[in-house]
Amino acid sequence: MPAKLLVIQHIACEPPGAYEDELRARGGTLHRVEIDRGEPVPDWRGFDGMIVMGGPMGAYEEAGFPWLAAEKAAIAEAVRADLPVWGVCLGAQLLAASLGAEVGPGPEPEVGVLPVRCTSAAASDPVFAHAPPEFRALQWHQDTFALPAGAALLASSPAYDQQAFRVQRAYGLQFHIEIGTDLATAWAEVPAYAASLESIMGPGALPVLLAEIAAHEIEMTRLARRLFAAWVDEVVAAPAARTVHEAAPAV
């Protein structure tokens, strides 16, 4: 049966991109929730899996975004119940935080189309076994996270060790491979993103970054669809190992 997935977005310009393209090409459906607009997270038990996308806020900024606490609680409950989860950038940080791992600012921002290398654990993973040993990905973040207890580290970069991990049937990806130049341009139109980009890369940073994305867009989005297809086929479509798993409490 085609997958029915819950998608949590934290800003309109960060949809699932190539992941959504792959899902729809397979006849799957999604229910999109824009949580930053006040839409509540529905009961995840009615879905085959959950996608948690990126956003301009930090996973630890409950004071300014009080709905983050409820979202992390829902993610933790879903992981305990063995629901497949696919978290991207902020989504990966929220996944880590929901499982009790520390999330916060890193030593320096990581921005650009940069190399990511798979770890030895990736070779036996049902999803990351389909990735090359090294690939290019868009990085646009300054927060990072500790690896949750019991997680398998699947990918790292020179700047940040934690680039991808798996806990049970939940995956967190710090990097972006799902977007092209159109979505990246939309990101740069968000004042917070534009200011961050200029402060990190200097004046005129946007054309440089867009050129980098354009040069690698095809290979990145093809990899995004390949990994997401493996997650749908090998993780979402697979029966849960058991109904309830032990997991750290939500923060």
Protein backbone atom coordinates (compact mmCIF):
# COMPACT_ATOMS: atom_id res chain seq x y z
CA MET A 1 0.00 0.00 0.00
CA PRO A 2 1.28 3.54 -0.74
CA ALA A 3 2.63 5.30 2.33
CA LYS A 4 0.61 7.95 4.14
CA LEU A 5 2.99 10.31 5.91
CA LEU A 6 2.61 13.17 8.36
CA VAL A 7 4.78 16.18 7.45
CA ILE A 8 5.60 18.79 10.09
CA GLN A 9 6.88 22.08 8.68
CA HIS A 10 8.20 25.00 10.71
CA ILE A 11 8.16 27.53 7.86
CA ALA A 12 6.36 27.46 4.50
CA CYS A 13 9.55 27.65 2.40
CA GLU A 14 10.98 24.41 3.86
CA PRO A 15 8.78 21.64 2.43
CA PRO A 16 10.12 18.11 1.87
CA GLY A 17 11.20 18.98 -1.68
CA ALA A 18 12.64 15.96 -3.47
CA TYR A 19 11.43 13.69 -0.67
CA GLU A 20 7.88 14.76 -1.41
CA ASP A 21 8.49 14.27 -5.15
CA GLU A 22 9.57 10.67 -4.51
CA LEU A 23 6.62 9.98 -2.23
CA ARG A 24 4.09 11.29 -4.73
CA ALA A 25 5.76 9.41 -7.61
CA ARG A 26 5.11 6.23 -5.63
CA GLY A 27 1.45 7.07 -5.12
CA GLY A 28 1.96 8.04 -1.50
CA THR A 29 0.13 10.84 0.26
CA LEU A 30 1.03 13.35 2.92
CA HIS A 31 -0.75 15.46 5.49
CA ARG A 32 1.09 18.74 5.92
CA VAL A 33 1.03 20.63 9.23
CA GLU A 34 2.54 24.14 9.41
CA ILE A 35 3.15 24.19 13.12
CA ASP A 36 4.54 27.75 13.11
CA ARG A 37 1.10 28.96 11.98
CA GLY A 38 -0.61 27.46 14.98
CA GLU A 39 -1.66 24.17 13.42
CA PRO A 40 -1.50 21.40 16.05
CA VAL A 41 0.29 18.13 15.50
CA PRO A 42 -2.43 15.54 14.79
CA ASP A 43 -2.47 12.05 16.23
CA TRP A 44 0.51 10.42 14.54
CA ARG A 45 -1.03 6.96 15.02
CA GLY A 46 -3.07 7.46 11.86
CA PHE A 47 0.07 7.63 9.69
CA ASP A 48 2.70 5.23 8.38
CA GLY A 49 5.53 7.62 9.22
CA MET A 50 6.48 11.18 10.09
CA ILE A 51 8.68 13.72 8.29
CA VAL A 52 9.98 16.63 10.38
CA MET A 53 11.49 19.45 8.34
CA GLY A 54 13.78 22.42 9.04
CA GLY A 55 13.17 25.94 10.25
CA PRO A 56 14.84 29.15 11.47
CA MET A 57 14.34 28.49 15.18
CA GLY A 58 16.47 26.42 17.53
CA ALA A 59 15.19 23.16 18.98
CA TYR A 60 15.82 24.62 22.45
CA GLU A 61 13.91 27.91 21.96
CA GLU A 62 10.66 26.96 23.70
CA ALA A 63 10.44 30.42 25.27
CA GLY A 64 9.90 32.02 21.89
CA PHE A 65 8.20 29.03 20.26
CA PRO A 66 6.19 27.28 22.98
CA TRP A 67 4.81 24.67 20.58
CA LEU A 68 8.30 23.11 20.38
CA ALA A 69 7.76 21.29 23.69
CA ALA A 70 4.59 19.56 22.47
CA GLU A 71 6.25 18.72 19.16
CA LYS A 72 9.23 17.08 20.84
CA ALA A 73 6.91 15.11 23.10
CA ALA A 74 5.00 13.84 20.06
CA ILE A 75 8.24 12.85 18.31
CA ALA A 76 9.44 10.97 21.40
CA GLU A 77 6.13 9.11 21.68
CA ALA A 78 6.28 8.19 18.00
CA VAL A 79 9.83 6.84 18.31
CA ARG A 80 8.84 4.78 21.37
CA ALA A 81 6.01 3.25 19.36
CA ASP A 82 8.45 2.44 16.52
CA LEU A 83 6.89 4.85 14.05
CA PRO A 84 9.33 5.63 11.22
CA VAL A 85 10.58 9.22 11.44
CA TRP A 86 12.61 11.24 8.91
CA GLY A 87 14.02 14.43 10.44
CA VAL A 88 15.89 17.06 8.40
CA CYS A 89 18.13 19.82 9.84
CA LEU A 90 15.95 21.29 12.63
CA GLY A 91 13.97 18.05 12.36
CA ALA A 92 17.11 16.05 13.15
CA GLN A 93 17.86 18.34 16.10
CA LEU A 94 14.29 17.94 17.39
CA LEU A 95 14.58 14.17 17.06
CA ALA A 96 17.82 14.19 19.07
CA ALA A 97 16.35 16.53 21.70
CA SER A 98 13.19 14.44 22.01
CA LEU A 99 15.38 11.48 22.94
CA GLY A 100 17.21 13.40 25.65
CA ALA A 101 20.30 14.49 23.72
CA GLU A 102 21.75 17.98 24.12
CA VAL A 103 21.12 20.45 21.28
CA GLY A 104 22.70 23.91 21.05
CA PRO A 105 24.91 26.28 19.07
CA GLY A 106 27.96 24.71 17.50
CA PRO A 107 31.48 26.17 17.45
CA GLU A 108 30.87 27.87 14.09
CA PRO A 109 28.22 28.01 11.35
CA GLU A 110 28.37 25.43 8.57
CA VAL A 111 27.06 26.93 5.32
CA GLY A 112 27.60 25.89 1.70
CA VAL A 113 27.56 22.84 -0.50
CA LEU A 114 30.08 20.77 1.40
CA PRO A 115 31.31 17.17 1.63
CA VAL A 116 29.67 14.62 3.91
CA ARG A 117 31.23 11.22 4.52
CA CYS A 118 29.40 8.06 5.54
CA THR A 119 30.61 6.15 8.59
CA SER A 120 31.37 2.44 8.64
CA ALA A 121 27.92 1.84 10.16
CA ALA A 122 26.27 3.19 7.01
CA ALA A 123 27.31 0.13 4.99
CA SER A 124 24.92 -2.13 6.90
CA ASP A 125 22.11 0.41 7.28
CA PRO A 126 18.98 -0.20 5.16
CA VAL A 127 18.92 3.44 4.03
CA PHE A 128 22.49 4.76 4.03
CA ALA A 129 23.87 1.64 2.36
CA HIS A 130 22.43 3.30 -0.76
CA ALA A 131 24.62 6.40 -0.32
CA PRO A 132 28.12 6.77 -1.78
CA PRO A 133 31.02 6.87 0.69
CA GLU A 134 31.20 10.65 0.25
CA PHE A 135 28.74 13.10 -1.26
CA ARG A 136 27.96 16.82 -1.43
CA ALA A 137 25.12 18.33 0.59
CA LEU A 138 23.81 21.78 1.38
CA GLN A 139 24.63 22.87 4.91
CA TRP A 140 22.89 25.92 6.36
CA HIS A 141 22.98 25.71 10.16
CA GLN A 142 24.85 26.81 13.25
CA ASP A 143 23.27 24.47 15.80
CA THR A 144 24.33 20.91 16.45
CA PHE A 145 23.37 18.03 18.73
CA ALA A 146 24.82 15.19 20.73
CA LEU A 147 24.15 11.68 19.54
CA PRO A 148 21.15 10.18 21.38
CA ALA A 149 21.74 7.10 23.51
CA GLY A 150 21.67 3.94 21.44
CA ALA A 151 21.91 5.81 18.12
CA ALA A 152 24.01 4.67 15.17
CA LEU A 153 26.08 7.47 13.61
CA LEU A 154 25.75 7.20 9.83
CA ALA A 155 27.48 10.30 8.43
CA SER A 156 29.86 13.09 9.48
CA SER A 157 31.44 16.22 8.02
CA PRO A 158 34.76 17.94 8.76
CA ALA A 159 32.96 20.64 10.77
CA TYR A 160 30.39 18.51 12.62
CA ASP A 161 30.57 14.84 13.53
CA GLN A 162 26.79 14.46 13.80
CA GLN A 163 25.43 14.63 10.25
CA ALA A 164 23.12 11.60 10.16
CA PHE A 165 21.99 9.03 12.69
CA ARG A 166 19.42 6.31 13.25
CA VAL A 167 17.53 5.31 16.37
CA GLN A 168 15.24 2.31 15.81
CA ARG A 169 13.25 3.33 12.71
CA ALA A 170 13.90 7.07 13.11
CA TYR A 171 16.50 8.91 11.02
CA GLY A 172 17.98 12.37 11.54
CA LEU A 173 19.80 14.19 8.73
CA GLN A 174 21.53 17.48 9.58
CA PHE A 175 22.16 18.32 5.91
CA HIS A 176 19.89 19.19 2.98
CA ILE A 177 19.90 17.21 -0.27
CA GLU A 178 16.21 17.68 -0.99
CA ILE A 179 16.24 21.21 -2.36
CA GLY A 180 17.31 22.99 -5.54
CA THR A 181 17.94 26.60 -6.48
CA ASP A 182 14.24 27.56 -6.43
CA LEU A 183 13.75 26.60 -2.79
CA ALA A 184 17.14 27.99 -1.81
CA THR A 185 16.15 31.33 -3.34
CA ALA A 186 12.93 31.25 -1.31
CA TRP A 187 14.97 30.63 1.84
CA ALA A 188 17.13 33.65 1.13
CA GLU A 189 13.99 35.80 0.96
CA VAL A 190 13.29 35.03 4.63
CA PRO A 191 14.83 37.96 6.57
CA ALA A 192 16.35 35.75 9.27
CA TYR A 193 17.93 33.46 6.68
CA ALA A 194 19.18 36.34 4.53
CA ALA A 195 20.77 38.08 7.52
CA SER A 196 22.40 34.85 8.65
CA LEU A 197 23.79 34.17 5.19
CA GLU A 198 25.26 37.67 4.83
CA SER A 199 26.79 37.60 8.31
CA ILE A 200 28.46 34.25 7.68
CA MET A 201 29.52 34.51 4.04
CA GLY A 202 29.64 38.29 3.56
CA PRO A 203 27.93 40.63 1.08
CA GLY A 204 26.88 39.05 -2.20
CA ALA A 205 26.80 35.59 -0.61
CA LEU A 206 23.51 34.52 -2.16
CA PRO A 207 24.62 34.34 -5.83
CA VAL A 208 27.68 32.37 -4.78
CA LEU A 209 25.62 29.89 -2.76
CA LEU A 210 23.00 29.54 -5.50
CA ALA A 211 25.74 28.78 -8.03
CA GLU A 212 27.09 26.05 -5.74
CA ILE A 213 23.61 24.56 -5.36
CA ALA A 214 22.95 24.72 -9.11
CA ALA A 215 26.22 22.90 -9.80
CA HIS A 216 25.24 19.98 -7.52
CA GLU A 217 21.44 20.15 -7.60
CA ILE A 218 20.89 17.09 -9.80
CA GLU A 219 23.21 14.80 -7.87
CA MET A 220 21.87 16.00 -4.50
CA THR A 221 18.19 15.58 -5.35
CA ARG A 222 18.81 12.19 -6.99
CA LEU A 223 20.51 11.03 -3.80
CA ALA A 224 17.65 12.46 -1.74
CA ARG A 225 15.13 10.45 -3.71
CA ARG A 226 17.26 7.30 -3.55
CA LEU A 227 17.69 7.45 0.22
CA PHE A 228 14.07 8.37 0.81
CA ALA A 229 12.91 5.53 -1.45
CA ALA A 230 15.01 3.13 0.63
CA TRP A 231 13.45 4.51 3.83
CA VAL A 232 9.94 4.05 2.42
CA ASP A 233 10.68 0.54 1.10
CA GLU A 234 12.93 -0.85 3.83
CA VAL A 235 11.74 1.02 6.93
CA VAL A 236 8.22 2.40 6.51
CA ALA A 237 6.96 -0.68 4.67
CA ALA A 238 8.64 -3.07 7.11
CA PRO A 239 6.60 -4.24 10.11
CA ALA A 240 7.52 -2.75 13.45
CA ALA A 241 9.86 -4.93 15.45
CA ARG A 242 7.61 -4.59 18.47
CA THR A 243 4.88 -2.25 19.69
CA VAL A 244 6.76 -0.30 22.33
CA HIS A 245 10.47 0.40 22.79
CA GLU A 246 12.39 1.87 25.63
CA ALA A 247 13.41 5.45 24.94
CA ALA A 248 14.65 8.43 26.90
CA PRO A 249 11.89 10.80 28.07
CA ALA A 250 11.19 13.90 26.04
CA VAL A 251 12.89 17.08 27.14
